[in-house]
Amino acid sequence: MPYINLKVAGPLSRDQKQKIAKEFAETLERIAGKPKDQTYLVIDEVARENWAQGDRLLG
């Protein structure tokens, strides 16, 4: 049972999340032989003000 935790800076639309879930599940099925219905994905949308690159906040 694959479990994926994806963190992204800023919000995503429902459509974007659906497409991301589809791509991850299909990739794991194709490459690792894991059934799509056994793949779990959690998308954490982190406010850009809470995300930094080096010493610089993104938001």
PDB file of N, CA and C in Angstrom:
ATOM      1  N   MET A   1       0.842  -1.173   0.000  1.00  0.00           N
ATOM      2  CA  MET A   1       0.000   0.000   0.000  1.00  0.00           C
ATOM      3  C   MET A   1       0.889   1.238   0.000  1.00  0.00           C
ATOM      4  N   PRO A   2       1.055   1.887  -1.147  1.00  0.00           N
ATOM      5  CA  PRO A   2       1.829   3.126  -1.189  1.00  0.00           C
ATOM      6  C   PRO A   2       1.102   4.264  -0.480  1.00  0.00           C
ATOM      7  N   TYR A   3       1.860   5.057   0.236  1.00  0.00           N
ATOM      8  CA  TYR A   3       1.340   6.258   0.897  1.00  0.00           C
ATOM      9  C   TYR A   3       2.236   7.412   0.475  1.00  0.00           C
ATOM     10  N   ILE A   4       1.636   8.450  -0.078  1.00  0.00           N
ATOM     11  CA  ILE A   4       2.370   9.612  -0.556  1.00  0.00           C
ATOM     12  C   ILE A   4       1.889  10.832   0.217  1.00  0.00           C
ATOM     13  N   ASN A   5       2.826  11.631   0.722  1.00  0.00           N
ATOM     14  CA  ASN A   5       2.480  12.885   1.377  1.00  0.00           C
ATOM     15  C   ASN A   5       3.148  13.992   0.587  1.00  0.00           C
ATOM     16  N   LEU A   6       2.340  14.774  -0.110  1.00  0.00           N
ATOM     17  CA  LEU A   6       2.829  15.839  -0.969  1.00  0.00           C
ATOM     18  C   LEU A   6       2.573  17.180  -0.309  1.00  0.00           C
ATOM     19  N   LYS A   7       3.606  17.971  -0.170  1.00  0.00           N
ATOM     20  CA  LYS A   7       3.468  19.315   0.386  1.00  0.00           C
ATOM     21  C   LYS A   7       3.712  20.313  -0.736  1.00  0.00           C
ATOM     22  N   VAL A   8       2.791  21.265  -0.865  1.00  0.00           N
ATOM     23  CA  VAL A   8       2.928  22.290  -1.891  1.00  0.00           C
ATOM     24  C   VAL A   8       2.762  23.667  -1.261  1.00  0.00           C
ATOM     25  N   ALA A   9       3.463  24.635  -1.805  1.00  0.00           N
ATOM     26  CA  ALA A   9       3.334  26.014  -1.336  1.00  0.00           C
ATOM     27  C   ALA A   9       2.135  26.636  -2.031  1.00  0.00           C
ATOM     28  N   GLY A  10       1.183  27.066  -1.247  1.00  0.00           N
ATOM     29  CA  GLY A  10      -0.002  27.713  -1.791  1.00  0.00           C
ATOM     30  C   GLY A  10      -1.109  26.726  -2.120  1.00  0.00           C
ATOM     31  N   PRO A  11      -2.278  27.261  -2.446  1.00  0.00           N
ATOM     32  CA  PRO A  11      -3.441  26.403  -2.687  1.00  0.00           C
ATOM     33  C   PRO A  11      -3.466  25.816  -4.093  1.00  0.00           C
ATOM     34  N   LEU A  12      -4.155  24.693  -4.221  1.00  0.00           N
ATOM     35  CA  LEU A  12      -4.423  24.056  -5.512  1.00  0.00           C
ATOM     36  C   LEU A  12      -5.935  23.970  -5.690  1.00  0.00           C
ATOM     37  N   SER A  13      -6.379  23.955  -6.932  1.00  0.00           N
ATOM     38  CA  SER A  13      -7.798  23.772  -7.191  1.00  0.00           C
ATOM     39  C   SER A  13      -8.143  22.288  -7.046  1.00  0.00           C
ATOM     40  N   ARG A  14      -9.416  21.999  -6.918  1.00  0.00           N
ATOM     41  CA  ARG A  14      -9.863  20.601  -6.836  1.00  0.00           C
ATOM     42  C   ARG A  14      -9.442  19.844  -8.099  1.00  0.00           C
ATOM     43  N   ASP A  15      -9.559  20.495  -9.256  1.00  0.00           N
ATOM     44  CA  ASP A  15      -9.173  19.870 -10.519  1.00  0.00           C
ATOM     45  C   ASP A  15      -7.680  19.536 -10.535  1.00  0.00           C
ATOM     46  N   GLN A  16      -6.850  20.449 -10.060  1.00  0.00           N
ATOM     47  CA  GLN A  16      -5.408  20.181 -10.001  1.00  0.00           C
ATOM     48  C   GLN A  16      -5.117  18.992  -9.083  1.00  0.00           C
ATOM     49  N   LYS A  17      -5.769  18.947  -7.931  1.00  0.00           N
ATOM     50  CA  LYS A  17      -5.559  17.837  -6.996  1.00  0.00           C
ATOM     51  C   LYS A  17      -5.974  16.512  -7.614  1.00  0.00           C
ATOM     52  N   GLN A  18      -7.092  16.505  -8.336  1.00  0.00           N
ATOM     53  CA  GLN A  18      -7.556  15.282  -8.988  1.00  0.00           C
ATOM     54  C   GLN A  18      -6.541  14.796 -10.019  1.00  0.00           C
ATOM     55  N   LYS A  19      -6.004  15.727 -10.801  1.00  0.00           N
ATOM     56  CA  LYS A  19      -5.017  15.361 -11.819  1.00  0.00           C
ATOM     57  C   LYS A  19      -3.728  14.842 -11.187  1.00  0.00           C
ATOM     58  N   ILE A  20      -3.308  15.457 -10.099  1.00  0.00           N
ATOM     59  CA  ILE A  20      -2.102  15.005  -9.393  1.00  0.00           C
ATOM     60  C   ILE A  20      -2.309  13.603  -8.852  1.00  0.00           C
ATOM     61  N   ALA A  21      -3.456  13.360  -8.218  1.00  0.00           N
ATOM     62  CA  ALA A  21      -3.756  12.029  -7.673  1.00  0.00           C
ATOM     63  C   ALA A  21      -3.741  10.980  -8.779  1.00  0.00           C
ATOM     64  N   LYS A  22      -4.354  11.301  -9.905  1.00  0.00           N
ATOM     65  CA  LYS A  22      -4.400  10.374 -11.040  1.00  0.00           C
ATOM     66  C   LYS A  22      -2.991  10.039 -11.531  1.00  0.00           C
ATOM     67  N   GLU A  23      -2.161  11.063 -11.689  1.00  0.00           N
ATOM     68  CA  GLU A  23      -0.803  10.853 -12.198  1.00  0.00           C
ATOM     69  C   GLU A  23       0.038   9.997 -11.244  1.00  0.00           C
ATOM     70  N   PHE A  24      -0.033  10.310  -9.947  1.00  0.00           N
ATOM     71  CA  PHE A  24       0.730   9.523  -8.973  1.00  0.00           C
ATOM     72  C   PHE A  24       0.276   8.069  -8.990  1.00  0.00           C
ATOM     73  N   ALA A  25      -1.035   7.845  -8.952  1.00  0.00           N
ATOM     74  CA  ALA A  25      -1.564   6.481  -8.906  1.00  0.00           C
ATOM     75  C   ALA A  25      -1.201   5.708 -10.170  1.00  0.00           C
ATOM     76  N   GLU A  26      -1.342   6.344 -11.320  1.00  0.00           N
ATOM     77  CA  GLU A  26      -1.003   5.671 -12.576  1.00  0.00           C
ATOM     78  C   GLU A  26       0.490   5.372 -12.681  1.00  0.00           C
ATOM     79  N   THR A  27       1.317   6.280 -12.205  1.00  0.00           N
ATOM     80  CA  THR A  27       2.766   6.065 -12.237  1.00  0.00           C
ATOM     81  C   THR A  27       3.162   4.883 -11.354  1.00  0.00           C
ATOM     82  N   LEU A  28       2.622   4.828 -10.147  1.00  0.00           N
ATOM     83  CA  LEU A  28       2.944   3.709  -9.255  1.00  0.00           C
ATOM     84  C   LEU A  28       2.433   2.387  -9.801  1.00  0.00           C
ATOM     85  N   GLU A  29       1.284   2.407 -10.454  1.00  0.00           N
ATOM     86  CA  GLU A  29       0.760   1.178 -11.040  1.00  0.00           C
ATOM     87  C   GLU A  29       1.650   0.719 -12.193  1.00  0.00           C
ATOM     88  N   ARG A  30       2.009   1.649 -13.065  1.00  0.00           N
ATOM     89  CA  ARG A  30       2.806   1.326 -14.248  1.00  0.00           C
ATOM     90  C   ARG A  30       4.229   0.898 -13.892  1.00  0.00           C
ATOM     91  N   ILE A  31       4.869   1.613 -12.994  1.00  0.00           N
ATOM     92  CA  ILE A  31       6.288   1.364 -12.710  1.00  0.00           C
ATOM     93  C   ILE A  31       6.497   0.337 -11.602  1.00  0.00           C
ATOM     94  N   ALA A  32       5.689   0.407 -10.542  1.00  0.00           N
ATOM     95  CA  ALA A  32       5.908  -0.467  -9.378  1.00  0.00           C
ATOM     96  C   ALA A  32       4.893  -1.603  -9.283  1.00  0.00           C
ATOM     97  N   GLY A  33       3.914  -1.626 -10.202  1.00  0.00           N
ATOM     98  CA  GLY A  33       2.921  -2.687 -10.165  1.00  0.00           C
ATOM     99  C   GLY A  33       1.951  -2.594  -8.987  1.00  0.00           C
ATOM    100  N   LYS A  34       1.794  -1.402  -8.437  1.00  0.00           N
ATOM    101  CA  LYS A  34       0.891  -1.201  -7.299  1.00  0.00           C
ATOM    102  C   LYS A  34      -0.496  -0.824  -7.819  1.00  0.00           C
ATOM    103  N   PRO A  35      -1.544  -1.530  -7.388  1.00  0.00           N
ATOM    104  CA  PRO A  35      -2.891  -1.192  -7.860  1.00  0.00           C
ATOM    105  C   PRO A  35      -3.281   0.234  -7.470  1.00  0.00           C
ATOM    106  N   LYS A  36      -3.930   0.925  -8.405  1.00  0.00           N
ATOM    107  CA  LYS A  36      -4.325   2.315  -8.152  1.00  0.00           C
ATOM    108  C   LYS A  36      -5.202   2.445  -6.913  1.00  0.00           C
ATOM    109  N   ASP A  37      -6.078   1.478  -6.702  1.00  0.00           N
ATOM    110  CA  ASP A  37      -6.998   1.579  -5.565  1.00  0.00           C
ATOM    111  C   ASP A  37      -6.330   1.306  -4.225  1.00  0.00           C
ATOM    112  N   GLN A  38      -5.049   0.991  -4.249  1.00  0.00           N
ATOM    113  CA  GLN A  38      -4.300   0.765  -3.015  1.00  0.00           C
ATOM    114  C   GLN A  38      -3.323   1.904  -2.713  1.00  0.00           C
ATOM    115  N   THR A  39      -3.334   2.940  -3.549  1.00  0.00           N
ATOM    116  CA  THR A  39      -2.443   4.083  -3.369  1.00  0.00           C
ATOM    117  C   THR A  39      -3.169   5.195  -2.619  1.00  0.00           C
ATOM    118  N   TYR A  40      -2.537   5.704  -1.582  1.00  0.00           N
ATOM    119  CA  TYR A  40      -3.092   6.790  -0.781  1.00  0.00           C
ATOM    120  C   TYR A  40      -2.219   8.024  -0.949  1.00  0.00           C
ATOM    121  N   LEU A  41      -2.860   9.164  -1.125  1.00  0.00           N
ATOM    122  CA  LEU A  41      -2.160  10.432  -1.319  1.00  0.00           C
ATOM    123  C   LEU A  41      -2.772  11.479  -0.404  1.00  0.00           C
ATOM    124  N   VAL A  42      -1.926  12.167   0.335  1.00  0.00           N
ATOM    125  CA  VAL A  42      -2.358  13.302   1.153  1.00  0.00           C
ATOM    126  C   VAL A  42      -1.651  14.532   0.596  1.00  0.00           C
ATOM    127  N   ILE A  43      -2.439  15.555   0.294  1.00  0.00           N
ATOM    128  CA  ILE A  43      -1.874  16.804  -0.220  1.00  0.00           C
ATOM    129  C   ILE A  43      -1.982  17.856   0.880  1.00  0.00           C
ATOM    130  N   ASP A  44      -0.840  18.319   1.338  1.00  0.00           N
ATOM    131  CA  ASP A  44      -0.785  19.383   2.346  1.00  0.00           C
ATOM    132  C   ASP A  44      -0.489  20.698   1.631  1.00  0.00           C
ATOM    133  N   GLU A  45      -1.441  21.620   1.698  1.00  0.00           N
ATOM    134  CA  GLU A  45      -1.249  22.937   1.106  1.00  0.00           C
ATOM    135  C   GLU A  45      -0.728  23.868   2.193  1.00  0.00           C
ATOM    136  N   VAL A  46       0.511  24.274   2.047  1.00  0.00           N
ATOM    137  CA  VAL A  46       1.167  25.111   3.043  1.00  0.00           C
ATOM    138  C   VAL A  46       1.120  26.558   2.563  1.00  0.00           C
ATOM    139  N   ALA A  47       0.649  27.449   3.420  1.00  0.00           N
ATOM    140  CA  ALA A  47       0.620  28.863   3.051  1.00  0.00           C
ATOM    141  C   ALA A  47       2.033  29.308   2.679  1.00  0.00           C
ATOM    142  N   ARG A  48       2.133  30.070   1.605  1.00  0.00           N
ATOM    143  CA  ARG A  48       3.459  30.496   1.130  1.00  0.00           C
ATOM    144  C   ARG A  48       4.221  31.264   2.208  1.00  0.00           C
ATOM    145  N   GLU A  49       3.505  31.946   3.098  1.00  0.00           N
ATOM    146  CA  GLU A  49       4.166  32.679   4.182  1.00  0.00           C
ATOM    147  C   GLU A  49       4.800  31.753   5.205  1.00  0.00           C
ATOM    148  N   ASN A  50       4.461  30.469   5.162  1.00  0.00           N
ATOM    149  CA  ASN A  50       5.033  29.474   6.075  1.00  0.00           C
ATOM    150  C   ASN A  50       6.077  28.606   5.389  1.00  0.00           C
ATOM    151  N   TRP A  51       6.522  29.011   4.217  1.00  0.00           N
ATOM    152  CA  TRP A  51       7.464  28.224   3.437  1.00  0.00           C
ATOM    153  C   TRP A  51       8.645  29.112   3.094  1.00  0.00           C
ATOM    154  N   ALA A  52       9.844  28.617   3.306  1.00  0.00           N
ATOM    155  CA  ALA A  52      11.039  29.400   2.993  1.00  0.00           C
ATOM    156  C   ALA A  52      11.979  28.585   2.100  1.00  0.00           C
ATOM    157  N   GLN A  53      12.725  29.294   1.307  1.00  0.00           N
ATOM    158  CA  GLN A  53      13.813  28.705   0.525  1.00  0.00           C
ATOM    159  C   GLN A  53      15.073  29.412   0.989  1.00  0.00           C
ATOM    160  N   GLY A  54      15.934  28.652   1.648  1.00  0.00           N
ATOM    161  CA  GLY A  54      17.098  29.280   2.248  1.00  0.00           C
ATOM    162  C   GLY A  54      16.641  30.233   3.333  1.00  0.00           C
ATOM    163  N   ASP A  55      17.059  31.476   3.241  1.00  0.00           N
ATOM    164  CA  ASP A  55      16.685  32.454   4.270  1.00  0.00           C
ATOM    165  C   ASP A  55      15.582  33.407   3.803  1.00  0.00           C
ATOM    166  N   ARG A  56      14.848  33.003   2.745  1.00  0.00           N
ATOM    167  CA  ARG A  56      13.835  33.879   2.157  1.00  0.00           C
ATOM    168  C   ARG A  56      12.472  33.207   2.181  1.00  0.00           C
ATOM    169  N   LEU A  57      11.490  33.877   2.812  1.00  0.00           N
ATOM    170  CA  LEU A  57      10.122  33.380   2.801  1.00  0.00           C
ATOM    171  C   LEU A  57       9.536  33.537   1.411  1.00  0.00           C
ATOM    172  N   LEU A  58       8.730  32.573   0.992  1.00  0.00           N
ATOM    173  CA  LEU A  58       8.131  32.627  -0.342  1.00  0.00           C
ATOM    174  C   LEU A  58       6.953  33.596  -0.401  1.00  0.00           C
ATOM    175  N   GLY A  59       6.295  33.810   0.728  1.00  0.00           N
ATOM    176  CA  GLY A  59       5.090  34.655   0.695  1.00  0.00           C
ATOM    177  C   GLY A  59       5.297  35.956   1.417  1.00  0.00           C
TER     178      GLY A  59
END
